[in-house]
C-alpha atoms as a PDB file:
ATOM      1  CA  MET A   1      94.866  85.600  88.500  1.00  0.00           C
ATOM      2  CA  CYS A   2      97.551  86.537  86.029  1.00  0.00           C
ATOM      3  CA  ARG A   3     101.178  85.431  86.016  1.00  0.00           C
ATOM      4  CA  HIS A   4     104.184  87.687  85.606  1.00  0.00           C
ATOM      5  CA  VAL A   5     107.979  87.607  85.468  1.00  0.00           C
ATOM      6  CA  ALA A   6     110.892  90.075  85.493  1.00  0.00           C
ATOM      7  CA  TYR A   7     114.560  89.527  84.645  1.00  0.00           C
ATOM      8  CA  VAL A   8     117.814  91.483  84.919  1.00  0.00           C
ATOM      9  CA  GLY A   9     121.094  90.029  83.724  1.00  0.00           C
ATOM     10  CA  PRO A  10     123.107  89.326  80.568  1.00  0.00           C
ATOM     11  CA  ALA A  11     121.272  89.906  77.299  1.00  0.00           C
ATOM     12  CA  LEU A  12     119.374  86.899  75.994  1.00  0.00           C
ATOM     13  CA  PRO A  13     116.557  86.243  73.499  1.00  0.00           C
ATOM     14  CA  LEU A  14     113.144  86.937  75.048  1.00  0.00           C
ATOM     15  CA  GLY A  15     112.071  83.419  74.167  1.00  0.00           C
ATOM     16  CA  ARG A  16     114.887  81.911  76.238  1.00  0.00           C
ATOM     17  CA  LEU A  17     113.004  83.054  79.329  1.00  0.00           C
ATOM     18  CA  LEU A  18     109.389  83.374  78.204  1.00  0.00           C
ATOM     19  CA  VAL A  19     108.865  80.489  75.772  1.00  0.00           C
ATOM     20  CA  GLU A  20     111.557  77.796  75.919  1.00  0.00           C
ATOM     21  CA  PRO A  21     111.530  76.632  79.592  1.00  0.00           C
ATOM     22  CA  PRO A  22     109.098  73.737  80.202  1.00  0.00           C
ATOM     23  CA  HIS A  23     106.856  75.864  82.434  1.00  0.00           C
ATOM     24  CA  ALA A  24     107.603  79.291  80.970  1.00  0.00           C
ATOM     25  CA  LEU A  25     105.141  82.170  81.025  1.00  0.00           C
ATOM     26  CA  TYR A  26     103.973  80.975  77.596  1.00  0.00           C
ATOM     27  CA  ARG A  27     102.801  77.670  79.100  1.00  0.00           C
ATOM     28  CA  GLN A  28     101.504  79.372  82.250  1.00  0.00           C
ATOM     29  CA  SER A  29      98.932  81.081  80.054  1.00  0.00           C
ATOM     30  CA  TRP A  30      97.013  77.788  79.847  1.00  0.00           C
ATOM     31  CA  GLY A  31      98.703  75.498  82.389  1.00  0.00           C
ATOM     32  CA  PRO A  32     100.018  77.327  85.484  1.00  0.00           C
ATOM     33  CA  ARG A  33     101.207  75.021  88.251  1.00  0.00           C
ATOM     34  CA  ARG A  34     100.868  77.277  91.306  1.00  0.00           C
ATOM     35  CA  GLN A  35      98.138  79.782  90.466  1.00  0.00           C
ATOM     36  CA  ARG A  36      95.711  80.104  93.382  1.00  0.00           C
ATOM     37  CA  TYR A  37      92.941  82.028  91.610  1.00  0.00           C
ATOM     38  CA  GLY A  38      91.736  81.288  88.088  1.00  0.00           C
ATOM     39  CA  THR A  39      92.993  78.593  85.759  1.00  0.00           C
ATOM     40  CA  VAL A  40      93.592  80.106  82.302  1.00  0.00           C
ATOM     41  CA  ASN A  41      95.371  83.401  81.520  1.00  0.00           C
ATOM     42  CA  ALA A  42      93.963  84.100  78.074  1.00  0.00           C
ATOM     43  CA  ASP A  43      92.678  87.682  78.419  1.00  0.00           C
ATOM     44  CA  GLY A  44      95.752  89.367  77.014  1.00  0.00           C
ATOM     45  CA  PHE A  45      99.514  89.446  77.481  1.00  0.00           C
ATOM     46  CA  GLY A  46     102.424  91.792  77.207  1.00  0.00           C
ATOM     47  CA  VAL A  47     106.176  92.042  77.373  1.00  0.00           C
ATOM     48  CA  GLY A  48     108.381  95.084  77.905  1.00  0.00           C
ATOM     49  CA  TRP A  49     112.129  95.039  77.333  1.00  0.00           C
ATOM     50  CA  TYR A  50     115.114  97.381  77.271  1.00  0.00           C
ATOM     51  CA  ALA A  51     117.475  97.916  74.346  1.00  0.00           C
ATOM     52  CA  GLN A  52     121.123  98.633  75.053  1.00  0.00           C
ATOM     53  CA  GLY A  53     121.690 102.342  75.563  1.00  0.00           C
ATOM     54  CA  ASP A  54     117.998 103.213  75.778  1.00  0.00           C
ATOM     55  CA  ARG A  55     116.377 103.786  79.195  1.00  0.00           C
ATOM     56  CA  VAL A  56     112.827 103.702  77.800  1.00  0.00           C
ATOM     57  CA  PRO A  57     111.545 100.155  77.264  1.00  0.00           C
ATOM     58  CA  ALA A  58     109.693  98.878  74.224  1.00  0.00           C
ATOM     59  CA  ARG A  59     106.396  97.065  74.726  1.00  0.00           C
ATOM     60  CA  TYR A  60     104.438  94.444  72.802  1.00  0.00           C
ATOM     61  CA  ARG A  61     100.898  93.851  74.084  1.00  0.00           C
ATOM     62  CA  ARG A  62      97.845  92.069  72.740  1.00  0.00           C
ATOM     63  CA  ALA A  63      94.281  91.472  73.916  1.00  0.00           C
ATOM     64  CA  GLY A  64      94.248  87.759  73.079  1.00  0.00           C
ATOM     65  CA  PRO A  65      96.121  84.743  74.456  1.00  0.00           C
ATOM     66  CA  ILE A  66      99.863  84.580  73.999  1.00  0.00           C
ATOM     67  CA  TRP A  67      99.697  81.142  72.353  1.00  0.00           C
ATOM     68  CA  ALA A  68      97.537  82.529  69.505  1.00  0.00           C
ATOM     69  CA  ASP A  69     100.056  85.197  68.498  1.00  0.00           C
ATOM     70  CA  ARG A  70     102.551  83.847  65.984  1.00  0.00           C
ATOM     71  CA  SER A  71     104.166  87.269  65.657  1.00  0.00           C
ATOM     72  CA  PHE A  72     105.188  87.190  69.309  1.00  0.00           C
ATOM     73  CA  ALA A  73     106.800  83.751  69.005  1.00  0.00           C
ATOM     74  CA  ASP A  74     108.859  85.019  66.059  1.00  0.00           C
ATOM     75  CA  LEU A  75     109.774  88.257  67.815  1.00  0.00           C
ATOM     76  CA  ALA A  76     110.785  86.426  71.005  1.00  0.00           C
ATOM     77  CA  ARG A  77     113.139  84.201  69.021  1.00  0.00           C
ATOM     78  CA  VAL A  78     115.336  87.068  67.810  1.00  0.00           C
ATOM     79  CA  VAL A  79     114.911  90.087  70.133  1.00  0.00           C
ATOM     80  CA  ARG A  80     117.544  90.157  72.874  1.00  0.00           C
ATOM     81  CA  SER A  81     117.531  92.122  76.124  1.00  0.00           C
ATOM     82  CA  GLY A  82     119.262  92.263  79.482  1.00  0.00           C
ATOM     83  CA  ALA A  83     116.062  93.252  81.294  1.00  0.00           C
ATOM     84  CA  LEU A  84     112.378  92.562  80.785  1.00  0.00           C
ATOM     85  CA  LEU A  85     108.971  92.341  82.435  1.00  0.00           C
ATOM     86  CA  ALA A  86     106.198  90.193  80.983  1.00  0.00           C
ATOM     87  CA  ALA A  87     102.714  89.087  82.022  1.00  0.00           C
ATOM     88  CA  VAL A  88      99.767  86.960  80.925  1.00  0.00           C
ATOM     89  CA  ARG A  89      96.312  88.104  82.055  1.00  0.00           C
ATOM     90  CA  ASP A  90      93.195  86.556  83.545  1.00  0.00           C
ATOM     91  CA  ALA A  91      90.812  89.522  83.698  1.00  0.00           C
ATOM     92  CA  THR A  92      89.050  90.215  86.987  1.00  0.00           C
ATOM     93  CA  LEU A  93      86.112  91.763  85.115  1.00  0.00           C
ATOM     94  CA  SER A  94      85.363  91.857  81.405  1.00  0.00           C
ATOM     95  CA  GLY A  95      85.900  95.215  79.754  1.00  0.00           C
ATOM     96  CA  ALA A  96      86.442  97.052  76.491  1.00  0.00           C
ATOM     97  CA  ASP A  97      90.010  98.216  77.043  1.00  0.00           C
ATOM     98  CA  ALA A  98      91.572  95.359  75.067  1.00  0.00           C
ATOM     99  CA  GLU A  99      95.366  95.420  75.025  1.00  0.00           C
ATOM    100  CA  ALA A 100      95.466  98.679  77.016  1.00  0.00           C
ATOM    101  CA  ALA A 101      94.438  96.623  80.055  1.00  0.00           C
ATOM    102  CA  ALA A 102      97.309  94.165  79.623  1.00  0.00           C
ATOM    103  CA  ALA A 103     100.509  94.572  81.606  1.00  0.00           C
ATOM    104  CA  PRO A 104     103.141  95.797  81.557  1.00  0.00           C
ATOM    105  CA  PHE A 105     102.044  99.358  82.141  1.00  0.00           C
ATOM    106  CA  ALA A 106     104.820 101.848  81.446  1.00  0.00           C
ATOM    107  CA  ASP A 107     106.049 105.368  82.041  1.00  0.00           C
ATOM    108  CA  GLY A 108     109.568 106.619  81.302  1.00  0.00           C
ATOM    109  CA  PRO A 109     111.990 103.874  82.370  1.00  0.00           C
ATOM    110  CA  TRP A 110     109.386 101.991  84.421  1.00  0.00           C
ATOM    111  CA  LEU A 111     107.472  98.786  83.692  1.00  0.00           C
ATOM    112  CA  PHE A 112     104.749  97.574  86.070  1.00  0.00           C
ATOM    113  CA  SER A 113     102.463  94.576  86.519  1.00  0.00           C
ATOM    114  CA  HIS A 114      99.783  93.545  89.034  1.00  0.00           C
ATOM    115  CA  ASN A 115      99.000  89.901  89.730  1.00  0.00           C
ATOM    116  CA  GLY A 116      95.820  89.838  91.796  1.00  0.00           C
ATOM    117  CA  ALA A 117      92.555  91.731  92.157  1.00  0.00           C
ATOM    118  CA  VAL A 118      91.169  94.659  94.132  1.00  0.00           C
ATOM    119  CA  ALA A 119      88.121  93.508  96.061  1.00  0.00           C
ATOM    120  CA  GLY A 120      85.061  95.697  95.544  1.00  0.00           C
ATOM    121  CA  TRP A 121      86.544  97.512  92.573  1.00  0.00           C
ATOM    122  CA  PRO A 122      85.905 100.285  91.694  1.00  0.00           C
ATOM    123  CA  GLY A 123      83.972 101.601  94.685  1.00  0.00           C
ATOM    124  CA  SER A 124      86.406 100.308  97.274  1.00  0.00           C
ATOM    125  CA  LEU A 125      89.217 102.543  96.020  1.00  0.00           C
ATOM    126  CA  ALA A 126      87.156 105.721  95.724  1.00  0.00           C
ATOM    127  CA  PRO A 127      88.774 107.073  98.937  1.00  0.00           C
ATOM    128  CA  LEU A 128      92.171 106.938  97.193  1.00  0.00           C
ATOM    129  CA  VAL A 129      91.177 109.070  94.208  1.00  0.00           C
ATOM    130  CA  PRO A 130      92.262 112.319  95.970  1.00  0.00           C
ATOM    131  CA  ALA A 131      95.816 110.933  96.074  1.00  0.00           C
ATOM    132  CA  LEU A 132      95.915 111.462  92.301  1.00  0.00           C
ATOM    133  CA  SER A 133      95.757 114.652  90.300  1.00  0.00           C
ATOM    134  CA  PRO A 134      92.889 115.142  87.840  1.00  0.00           C
ATOM    135  CA  ALA A 135      95.407 114.627  85.030  1.00  0.00           C
ATOM    136  CA  ASP A 136      96.465 111.289  86.564  1.00  0.00           C
ATOM    137  CA  VAL A 137      92.861 110.092  86.682  1.00  0.00           C
ATOM    138  CA  LEU A 138      92.008 111.279  83.170  1.00  0.00           C
ATOM    139  CA  SER A 139      95.127 109.642  81.710  1.00  0.00           C
ATOM    140  CA  LEU A 140      94.563 106.164  83.162  1.00  0.00           C
ATOM    141  CA  GLU A 141      95.681 103.706  80.520  1.00  0.00           C
ATOM    142  CA  ALA A 142      92.711 101.397  81.174  1.00  0.00           C
ATOM    143  CA  ARG A 143      89.595 101.347  83.331  1.00  0.00           C
ATOM    144  CA  ASN A 144      90.592  98.469  85.563  1.00  0.00           C
ATOM    145  CA  ASP A 145      91.986  97.939  89.044  1.00  0.00           C
ATOM    146  CA  SER A 146      95.546  97.287  87.896  1.00  0.00           C
ATOM    147  CA  ALA A 147      95.751 100.542  85.950  1.00  0.00           C
ATOM    148  CA  PHE A 148      94.528 102.469  88.989  1.00  0.00           C
ATOM    149  CA  VAL A 149      97.030 100.755  91.292  1.00  0.00           C
ATOM    150  CA  TRP A 150      99.731 101.624  88.756  1.00  0.00           C
ATOM    151  CA  ALA A 151      98.640 105.275  88.830  1.00  0.00           C
ATOM    152  CA  LEU A 152      99.010 105.303  92.624  1.00  0.00           C
ATOM    153  CA  ALA A 153     102.500 103.806  92.370  1.00  0.00           C
ATOM    154  CA  LEU A 154     103.535 106.102  89.537  1.00  0.00           C
ATOM    155  CA  ALA A 155     102.544 109.201  91.504  1.00  0.00           C
ATOM    156  CA  ARG A 156     104.987 108.109  94.206  1.00  0.00           C
ATOM    157  CA  LEU A 157     107.736 107.364  91.693  1.00  0.00           C
ATOM    158  CA  ARG A 158     107.344 110.855  90.239  1.00  0.00           C
ATOM    159  CA  HIS A 159     107.639 112.221  93.756  1.00  0.00           C
ATOM    160  CA  GLY A 160     111.072 110.609  94.001  1.00  0.00           C
ATOM    161  CA  ASP A 161     110.348 107.652  96.300  1.00  0.00           C
ATOM    162  CA  ASP A 162     112.521 104.563  95.835  1.00  0.00           C
ATOM    163  CA  PRO A 163     110.887 101.564  94.128  1.00  0.00           C
ATOM    164  CA  GLY A 164     110.648  99.362  97.230  1.00  0.00           C
ATOM    165  CA  ARG A 165     109.016 102.086  99.294  1.00  0.00           C
ATOM    166  CA  VAL A 166     106.680 102.894  96.405  1.00  0.00           C
ATOM    167  CA  LEU A 167     105.323  99.346  96.288  1.00  0.00           C
ATOM    168  CA  ALA A 168     105.173  98.961 100.074  1.00  0.00           C
ATOM    169  CA  ASP A 169     103.209 102.194 100.513  1.00  0.00           C
ATOM    170  CA  THR A 170     100.919 101.467  97.570  1.00  0.00           C
ATOM    171  CA  VAL A 171     100.059  98.030  98.941  1.00  0.00           C
ATOM    172  CA  ALA A 172      99.434  99.513 102.389  1.00  0.00           C
ATOM    173  CA  ASP A 173      97.022 102.117 101.038  1.00  0.00           C
ATOM    174  CA  VAL A 174      95.102  99.744  98.767  1.00  0.00           C
ATOM    175  CA  ALA A 175      94.914  97.007 101.404  1.00  0.00           C
ATOM    176  CA  ALA A 176      93.596  99.491 103.954  1.00  0.00           C
ATOM    177  CA  ALA A 177      90.862 100.607 101.560  1.00  0.00           C
ATOM    178  CA  SER A 178      90.090  97.084 100.330  1.00  0.00           C
ATOM    179  CA  PRO A 179      91.367  94.501 102.838  1.00  0.00           C
ATOM    180  CA  ALA A 180      90.491  91.401 100.796  1.00  0.00           C
ATOM    181  CA  SER A 181      92.600  92.489  97.824  1.00  0.00           C
ATOM    182  CA  ARG A 182      95.418  90.429  96.348  1.00  0.00           C
ATOM    183  CA  LEU A 183      98.341  92.716  95.563  1.00  0.00           C
ATOM    184  CA  ASN A 184     101.345  91.004  94.031  1.00  0.00           C
ATOM    185  CA  LEU A 185     103.010  93.962  92.310  1.00  0.00           C
ATOM    186  CA  LEU A 186     106.075  93.903  90.053  1.00  0.00           C
ATOM    187  CA  LEU A 187     108.167  96.925  89.009  1.00  0.00           C
ATOM    188  CA  THR A 188     111.441  97.407  87.149  1.00  0.00           C
ATOM    189  CA  ASP A 189     113.503 100.161  85.589  1.00  0.00           C
ATOM    190  CA  GLY A 190     115.768  97.731  83.748  1.00  0.00           C
ATOM    191  CA  THR A 191     118.351  97.696  86.539  1.00  0.00           C
ATOM    192  CA  THR A 192     116.454  96.770  89.692  1.00  0.00           C
ATOM    193  CA  ILE A 193     113.322  94.726  90.350  1.00  0.00           C
ATOM    194  CA  ALA A 194     110.851  95.435  93.151  1.00  0.00           C
ATOM    195  CA  ALA A 195     107.981  93.074  93.919  1.00  0.00           C
ATOM    196  CA  THR A 196     105.421  92.279  96.597  1.00  0.00           C
ATOM    197  CA  ALA A 197     103.956  88.981  97.716  1.00  0.00           C
ATOM    198  CA  TRP A 198     100.474  89.785  99.019  1.00  0.00           C
ATOM    199  CA  GLY A 199      97.891  87.079  98.464  1.00  0.00           C
ATOM    200  CA  ASP A 200      99.489  85.026  95.689  1.00  0.00           C
ATOM    201  CA  THR A 201     102.709  83.189  94.916  1.00  0.00           C
ATOM    202  CA  LEU A 202     106.087  84.793  94.245  1.00  0.00           C
ATOM    203  CA  TRP A 203     109.463  83.146  93.604  1.00  0.00           C
ATOM    204  CA  TYR A 204     112.956  84.208  92.669  1.00  0.00           C
ATOM    205  CA  ARG A 205     116.149  82.625  91.393  1.00  0.00           C
ATOM    206  CA  THR A 206     119.611  84.149  91.252  1.00  0.00           C
ATOM    207  CA  ARG A 207     122.887  83.259  89.608  1.00  0.00           C
ATOM    208  CA  PRO A 208     125.347  85.151  91.845  1.00  0.00           C
ATOM    209  CA  GLY A 209     126.788  88.190  90.129  1.00  0.00           C
ATOM    210  CA  ARG A 210     125.009  87.416  86.852  1.00  0.00           C
ATOM    211  CA  CYS A 211     121.230  87.542  86.852  1.00  0.00           C
ATOM    212  CA  THR A 212     118.013  87.487  88.853  1.00  0.00           C
ATOM    213  CA  VAL A 213     114.572  86.245  87.833  1.00  0.00           C
ATOM    214  CA  VAL A 214     111.462  87.137  89.868  1.00  0.00           C
ATOM    215  CA  ALA A 215     108.256  85.337  88.889  1.00  0.00           C
ATOM    216  CA  SER A 216     104.809  84.285  90.009  1.00  0.00           C
ATOM    217  CA  GLU A 217     106.028  80.716  89.775  1.00  0.00           C
ATOM    218  CA  PRO A 218     109.164  78.814  88.672  1.00  0.00           C
ATOM    219  CA  HIS A 219     109.485  78.205  84.957  1.00  0.00           C
ATOM    220  CA  ASP A 220     111.435  74.983  85.492  1.00  0.00           C
ATOM    221  CA  ASP A 221     112.339  72.525  88.240  1.00  0.00           C
ATOM    222  CA  ASP A 222     115.703  74.055  89.144  1.00  0.00           C
ATOM    223  CA  PRO A 223     116.135  73.529  92.925  1.00  0.00           C
ATOM    224  CA  HIS A 224     117.583  77.039  93.329  1.00  0.00           C
ATOM    225  CA  TRP A 225     114.182  78.712  93.072  1.00  0.00           C
ATOM    226  CA  VAL A 226     113.229  80.314  96.399  1.00  0.00           C
ATOM    227  CA  GLU A 227     109.629  81.009  97.429  1.00  0.00           C
ATOM    228  CA  VAL A 228     108.962  84.472  98.865  1.00  0.00           C
ATOM    229  CA  PRO A 229     106.779  84.464 102.018  1.00  0.00           C
ATOM    230  CA  ASP A 230     103.398  86.165 101.843  1.00  0.00           C
ATOM    231  CA  ARG A 231     103.307  89.794 103.052  1.00  0.00           C
ATOM    232  CA  THR A 232     106.871  90.412 101.852  1.00  0.00           C
ATOM    233  CA  LEU A 233     108.626  93.088  99.811  1.00  0.00           C
ATOM    234  CA  LEU A 234     111.416  91.952  97.484  1.00  0.00           C
ATOM    235  CA  VAL A 235     114.022  94.317  96.020  1.00  0.00           C
ATOM    236  CA  ALA A 236     116.617  92.786  93.710  1.00  0.00           C
ATOM    237  CA  SER A 237     119.403  93.527  91.280  1.00  0.00           C
ATOM    238  CA  ARG A 238     121.454  91.101  89.237  1.00  0.00           C
ATOM    239  CA  THR A 239     123.783  90.656  92.233  1.00  0.00           C
ATOM    240  CA  GLU A 240     121.553  90.524  95.328  1.00  0.00           C
ATOM    241  CA  VAL A 241     118.042  89.991  96.664  1.00  0.00           C
ATOM    242  CA  LEU A 242     116.654  91.806  99.708  1.00  0.00           C
ATOM    243  CA  LEU A 243     113.472  90.740 101.508  1.00  0.00           C
ATOM    244  CA  SER A 244     111.537  92.656 104.158  1.00  0.00           C
ATOM    245  CA  PRO A 245     108.115  92.149 105.777  1.00  0.00           C
ATOM    246  CA  LEU A 246     105.200  94.316 104.732  1.00  0.00           C
ATOM    247  CA  LYS A 247     102.944  95.960 107.300  1.00  0.00           C
ATOM    248  CA  GLU A 248      99.346  94.898 107.664  1.00  0.00           C
ATOM    249  CA  PRO A 249      96.828  97.768 107.460  1.00  0.00           C
ATOM    250  CA  GLY A 250      96.491  99.386 110.864  1.00  0.00           C
ATOM    251  CA  ASP A 251      99.931  98.260 112.011  1.00  0.00           C
ATOM    252  CA  ASP A 252     101.728 101.442 113.015  1.00  0.00           C
ATOM    253  CA  ALA A 253     105.016  99.677 113.632  1.00  0.00           C
ATOM    254  CA  SER A 254     107.635 100.276 110.995  1.00  0.00           C
ATOM    255  CA  ALA A 255     108.601  97.407 108.743  1.00  0.00           C
ATOM    256  CA  HIS A 256     111.900  95.788 109.557  1.00  0.00           C
ATOM    257  CA  ALA A 257     114.910  96.862 107.549  1.00  0.00           C
ATOM    258  CA  PRO A 258     115.523  94.738 104.452  1.00  0.00           C
ATOM    259  CA  ALA A 259     117.648  91.684 105.126  1.00  0.00           C
ATOM    260  CA  LYS A 260     120.000  90.249 102.579  1.00  0.00           C
ATOM    261  CA  GLU A 261     118.920  86.762 101.621  1.00  0.00           C
ATOM    262  CA  PRO A 262     121.575  84.036 101.730  1.00  0.00           C
ATOM    263  CA  ARG A 263     122.484  82.670  98.371  1.00  0.00           C
ATOM    264  CA  PRO A 264     120.931  79.324  97.543  1.00  0.00           C
END
């Protein structure tokens, strides 16, 4: 459930990536090709992007389907950015949080999205509540599983952990508490992209030295798209992509060091 995409590279109109390709995120809202759970992503959408010289991204989020928002189509035609994260949502459970429940979630320079679902939410993650401060819990942006997972990741980011380690450790903790969860996470600060493949599809495409796109599924039929294996951490910039295996809960062995992927 849900589809998401992140990009770092030369500045381009948001619509060049999110609307114009034949299977862009816009179309994935009603016709995804590789989504394993759910069929329509009409429970909200959002896009966050970075303006030149400003580390804090802007966001545009709505509670309804992306195809019903004419303002977004107009905005995407003219707003340009060299980094973005966007998502369309298929809600795990209905709720009253409206656009607050739609990714990307944000704090400082960070944008975050969760494609998946936490099994047994909310009770299954009760053991992880002590990992957060009372202020973290009271300031949750929405009352859903994705917002809670974001709070766990954000606490680690504030502690100074690097983005890849943040996602790997967050997935490990949530999967240990709720083993049947699907935890494809996506995080960017406008320079790097970190992502996990854990229960759903993840792909990337690079143009060496220029740009990298990481997405739930390809937005076109370019043969240079590469599928990321399940149980994998991806860390990317506009010049390189690193993949490393993620530990299963209960596996005390350390994950292998990231390996540089050969260019397609």
